[in-house]
Amino acid sequence: MTPRSPKQITANFQKHNYESLIHQLQLENQLLKEKIGYENEVNMALQTMLQDLQEDHQKLSNENQELKTKLAQLNQ
């Protein structure tokens, strides 16, 4: 085995550090992508629920107005 120079040792150490950092960043990026995907799913579900509630509110408002009109006719 040939002895390595301090420059080779330093270069190998830096290479290993960069490889470790790259791997760590790849894992973090994957986690962030999964979190974004989850947040998007939650937001879409909430948006659908809000639209359903708005439709229900509109239907009930219309029904309420119809009932008020009928009640007014009966009270005449």
N, C-alpha and C. Protein backbone atom coordinates (compact mmCIF):
# COMPACT_ATOMS: atom_id res chain seq x y z
N MET A 1 0.85 -1.18 0.00
CA MET A 1 0.00 0.00 0.00
C MET A 1 0.89 1.24 0.00
N THR A 2 0.58 2.13 -0.90
CA THR A 2 1.40 3.33 -1.00
C THR A 2 0.90 4.38 -0.01
N PRO A 3 1.83 5.06 0.63
CA PRO A 3 1.40 6.11 1.56
C PRO A 3 0.74 7.25 0.79
N ARG A 4 -0.28 7.81 1.41
CA ARG A 4 -0.99 8.90 0.76
C ARG A 4 -0.49 10.23 1.30
N SER A 5 -0.49 11.18 0.42
CA SER A 5 -0.04 12.52 0.82
C SER A 5 -1.17 13.21 1.58
N PRO A 6 -0.81 14.22 2.37
CA PRO A 6 -1.86 14.98 3.07
C PRO A 6 -2.90 15.56 2.12
N LYS A 7 -2.47 15.95 0.91
CA LYS A 7 -3.43 16.49 -0.07
C LYS A 7 -4.43 15.41 -0.48
N GLN A 8 -3.96 14.19 -0.68
CA GLN A 8 -4.86 13.09 -1.06
C GLN A 8 -5.83 12.78 0.08
N ILE A 9 -5.32 12.77 1.30
CA ILE A 9 -6.17 12.50 2.46
C ILE A 9 -7.23 13.59 2.58
N THR A 10 -6.81 14.85 2.43
CA THR A 10 -7.75 15.97 2.51
C THR A 10 -8.77 15.90 1.39
N ALA A 11 -8.31 15.59 0.18
CA ALA A 11 -9.23 15.50 -0.96
C ALA A 11 -10.24 14.39 -0.75
N ASN A 12 -9.81 13.24 -0.26
CA ASN A 12 -10.73 12.13 0.00
C ASN A 12 -11.73 12.49 1.09
N PHE A 13 -11.24 13.17 2.12
CA PHE A 13 -12.12 13.59 3.22
C PHE A 13 -13.18 14.56 2.70
N GLN A 14 -12.74 15.54 1.89
CA GLN A 14 -13.69 16.51 1.33
C GLN A 14 -14.69 15.82 0.40
N LYS A 15 -14.18 14.88 -0.40
CA LYS A 15 -15.07 14.14 -1.30
C LYS A 15 -16.13 13.40 -0.50
N HIS A 16 -15.71 12.74 0.57
CA HIS A 16 -16.66 12.01 1.41
C HIS A 16 -17.67 12.96 2.04
N ASN A 17 -17.20 14.11 2.51
CA ASN A 17 -18.11 15.11 3.10
C ASN A 17 -19.14 15.59 2.08
N TYR A 18 -18.68 15.90 0.87
CA TYR A 18 -19.60 16.37 -0.17
C TYR A 18 -20.61 15.28 -0.54
N GLU A 19 -20.14 14.04 -0.64
CA GLU A 19 -21.05 12.94 -0.96
C GLU A 19 -22.10 12.78 0.13
N SER A 20 -21.67 12.91 1.40
CA SER A 20 -22.61 12.82 2.52
C SER A 20 -23.62 13.96 2.48
N LEU A 21 -23.13 15.17 2.20
CA LEU A 21 -24.03 16.33 2.12
C LEU A 21 -25.02 16.17 0.98
N ILE A 22 -24.55 15.68 -0.16
CA ILE A 22 -25.44 15.47 -1.31
C ILE A 22 -26.51 14.46 -0.95
N HIS A 23 -26.12 13.37 -0.31
CA HIS A 23 -27.09 12.35 0.08
C HIS A 23 -28.11 12.92 1.07
N GLN A 24 -27.62 13.70 2.04
CA GLN A 24 -28.51 14.32 3.02
C GLN A 24 -29.50 15.26 2.33
N LEU A 25 -29.01 16.05 1.38
CA LEU A 25 -29.89 16.97 0.65
C LEU A 25 -30.90 16.22 -0.21
N GLN A 26 -30.48 15.11 -0.80
CA GLN A 26 -31.42 14.30 -1.59
C GLN A 26 -32.54 13.76 -0.71
N LEU A 27 -32.18 13.29 0.49
CA LEU A 27 -33.20 12.79 1.41
C LEU A 27 -34.13 13.91 1.86
N GLU A 28 -33.56 15.06 2.16
CA GLU A 28 -34.37 16.20 2.59
C GLU A 28 -35.30 16.66 1.47
N ASN A 29 -34.78 16.70 0.24
CA ASN A 29 -35.61 17.09 -0.91
C ASN A 29 -36.77 16.11 -1.11
N GLN A 30 -36.49 14.82 -0.96
CA GLN A 30 -37.54 13.81 -1.10
C GLN A 30 -38.62 14.01 -0.04
N LEU A 31 -38.18 14.27 1.20
CA LEU A 31 -39.12 14.51 2.29
C LEU A 31 -39.97 15.74 2.00
N LEU A 32 -39.34 16.80 1.51
CA LEU A 32 -40.08 18.02 1.20
C LEU A 32 -41.07 17.80 0.06
N LYS A 33 -40.67 17.03 -0.95
CA LYS A 33 -41.59 16.72 -2.04
C LYS A 33 -42.80 15.95 -1.53
N GLU A 34 -42.56 14.99 -0.64
CA GLU A 34 -43.67 14.21 -0.07
C GLU A 34 -44.57 15.10 0.76
N LYS A 35 -43.97 16.00 1.53
CA LYS A 35 -44.76 16.92 2.36
C LYS A 35 -45.60 17.84 1.48
N ILE A 36 -45.01 18.35 0.40
CA ILE A 36 -45.75 19.21 -0.53
C ILE A 36 -46.91 18.44 -1.15
N GLY A 37 -46.66 17.20 -1.54
CA GLY A 37 -47.73 16.36 -2.10
C GLY A 37 -48.86 16.17 -1.11
N TYR A 38 -48.50 15.90 0.15
CA TYR A 38 -49.51 15.73 1.19
C TYR A 38 -50.30 17.02 1.40
N GLU A 39 -49.58 18.15 1.49
CA GLU A 39 -50.25 19.44 1.68
C GLU A 39 -51.18 19.75 0.52
N ASN A 40 -50.77 19.42 -0.70
CA ASN A 40 -51.63 19.64 -1.87
C ASN A 40 -52.90 18.80 -1.77
N GLU A 41 -52.76 17.54 -1.34
CA GLU A 41 -53.94 16.68 -1.19
C GLU A 41 -54.89 17.25 -0.14
N VAL A 42 -54.34 17.70 0.98
CA VAL A 42 -55.17 18.29 2.04
C VAL A 42 -55.86 19.54 1.53
N ASN A 43 -55.13 20.39 0.83
CA ASN A 43 -55.72 21.62 0.29
C ASN A 43 -56.84 21.33 -0.71
N MET A 44 -56.63 20.33 -1.56
CA MET A 44 -57.67 19.99 -2.54
C MET A 44 -58.91 19.44 -1.82
N ALA A 45 -58.70 18.63 -0.79
CA ALA A 45 -59.84 18.10 -0.03
C ALA A 45 -60.59 19.22 0.67
N LEU A 46 -59.86 20.16 1.25
CA LEU A 46 -60.50 21.30 1.92
C LEU A 46 -61.25 22.17 0.92
N GLN A 47 -60.68 22.35 -0.26
CA GLN A 47 -61.35 23.15 -1.29
C GLN A 47 -62.65 22.48 -1.72
N THR A 48 -62.63 21.16 -1.90
CA THR A 48 -63.83 20.42 -2.26
C THR A 48 -64.88 20.54 -1.16
N MET A 49 -64.44 20.40 0.09
CA MET A 49 -65.37 20.50 1.21
C MET A 49 -65.98 21.90 1.27
N LEU A 50 -65.17 22.92 1.04
CA LEU A 50 -65.68 24.29 1.05
C LEU A 50 -66.71 24.50 -0.06
N GLN A 51 -66.43 23.98 -1.24
CA GLN A 51 -67.39 24.10 -2.34
C GLN A 51 -68.70 23.40 -2.00
N ASP A 52 -68.61 22.22 -1.39
CA ASP A 52 -69.82 21.50 -0.98
C ASP A 52 -70.61 22.30 0.04
N LEU A 53 -69.91 22.90 1.00
CA LEU A 53 -70.59 23.72 2.01
C LEU A 53 -71.24 24.95 1.39
N GLN A 54 -70.57 25.56 0.42
CA GLN A 54 -71.16 26.72 -0.25
C GLN A 54 -72.41 26.33 -1.02
N GLU A 55 -72.37 25.17 -1.68
CA GLU A 55 -73.56 24.68 -2.40
C GLU A 55 -74.69 24.39 -1.42
N ASP A 56 -74.37 23.73 -0.31
CA ASP A 56 -75.40 23.45 0.70
C ASP A 56 -75.99 24.74 1.25
N HIS A 57 -75.15 25.72 1.50
CA HIS A 57 -75.62 27.01 2.00
C HIS A 57 -76.56 27.67 1.00
N GLN A 58 -76.20 27.62 -0.27
CA GLN A 58 -77.05 28.23 -1.30
C GLN A 58 -78.40 27.52 -1.39
N LYS A 59 -78.38 26.19 -1.35
CA LYS A 59 -79.64 25.42 -1.40
C LYS A 59 -80.52 25.75 -0.20
N LEU A 60 -79.92 25.81 0.99
CA LEU A 60 -80.70 26.12 2.19
C LEU A 60 -81.22 27.55 2.16
N SER A 61 -80.44 28.47 1.63
CA SER A 61 -80.90 29.86 1.51
C SER A 61 -82.09 29.95 0.57
N ASN A 62 -82.01 29.23 -0.56
CA ASN A 62 -83.12 29.22 -1.50
C ASN A 62 -84.36 28.60 -0.87
N GLU A 63 -84.18 27.48 -0.18
CA GLU A 63 -85.31 26.82 0.47
C GLU A 63 -85.91 27.72 1.54
N ASN A 64 -85.06 28.40 2.29
CA ASN A 64 -85.52 29.30 3.33
C ASN A 64 -86.37 30.42 2.74
N GLN A 65 -85.91 30.97 1.62
CA GLN A 65 -86.66 32.05 0.97
C GLN A 65 -88.01 31.55 0.47
N GLU A 66 -88.02 30.34 -0.11
CA GLU A 66 -89.28 29.76 -0.58
C GLU A 66 -90.26 29.56 0.58
N LEU A 67 -89.76 29.07 1.70
CA LEU A 67 -90.63 28.85 2.86
C LEU A 67 -91.15 30.16 3.43
N LYS A 68 -90.32 31.19 3.44
CA LYS A 68 -90.78 32.50 3.91
C LYS A 68 -91.88 33.04 3.00
N THR A 69 -91.71 32.83 1.69
CA THR A 69 -92.72 33.28 0.73
C THR A 69 -94.03 32.54 0.95
N LYS A 70 -93.97 31.22 1.13
CA LYS A 70 -95.18 30.43 1.38
C LYS A 70 -95.85 30.86 2.68
N LEU A 71 -95.05 31.10 3.71
CA LEU A 71 -95.60 31.52 5.00
C LEU A 71 -96.29 32.87 4.87
N ALA A 72 -95.69 33.77 4.12
CA ALA A 72 -96.29 35.09 3.92
C ALA A 72 -97.62 34.96 3.18
N GLN A 73 -97.69 34.04 2.20
CA GLN A 73 -98.93 33.82 1.46
C GLN A 73 -100.00 33.25 2.38
N LEU A 74 -99.62 32.34 3.27
CA LEU A 74 -100.60 31.74 4.18
C LEU A 74 -101.11 32.75 5.20
N ASN A 75 -100.31 33.70 5.57
CA ASN A 75 -100.70 34.68 6.58
C ASN A 75 -101.54 35.81 6.00
N GLN A 76 -101.73 35.83 4.69
CA GLN A 76 -102.53 36.90 4.09
C GLN A 76 -104.00 36.67 4.29
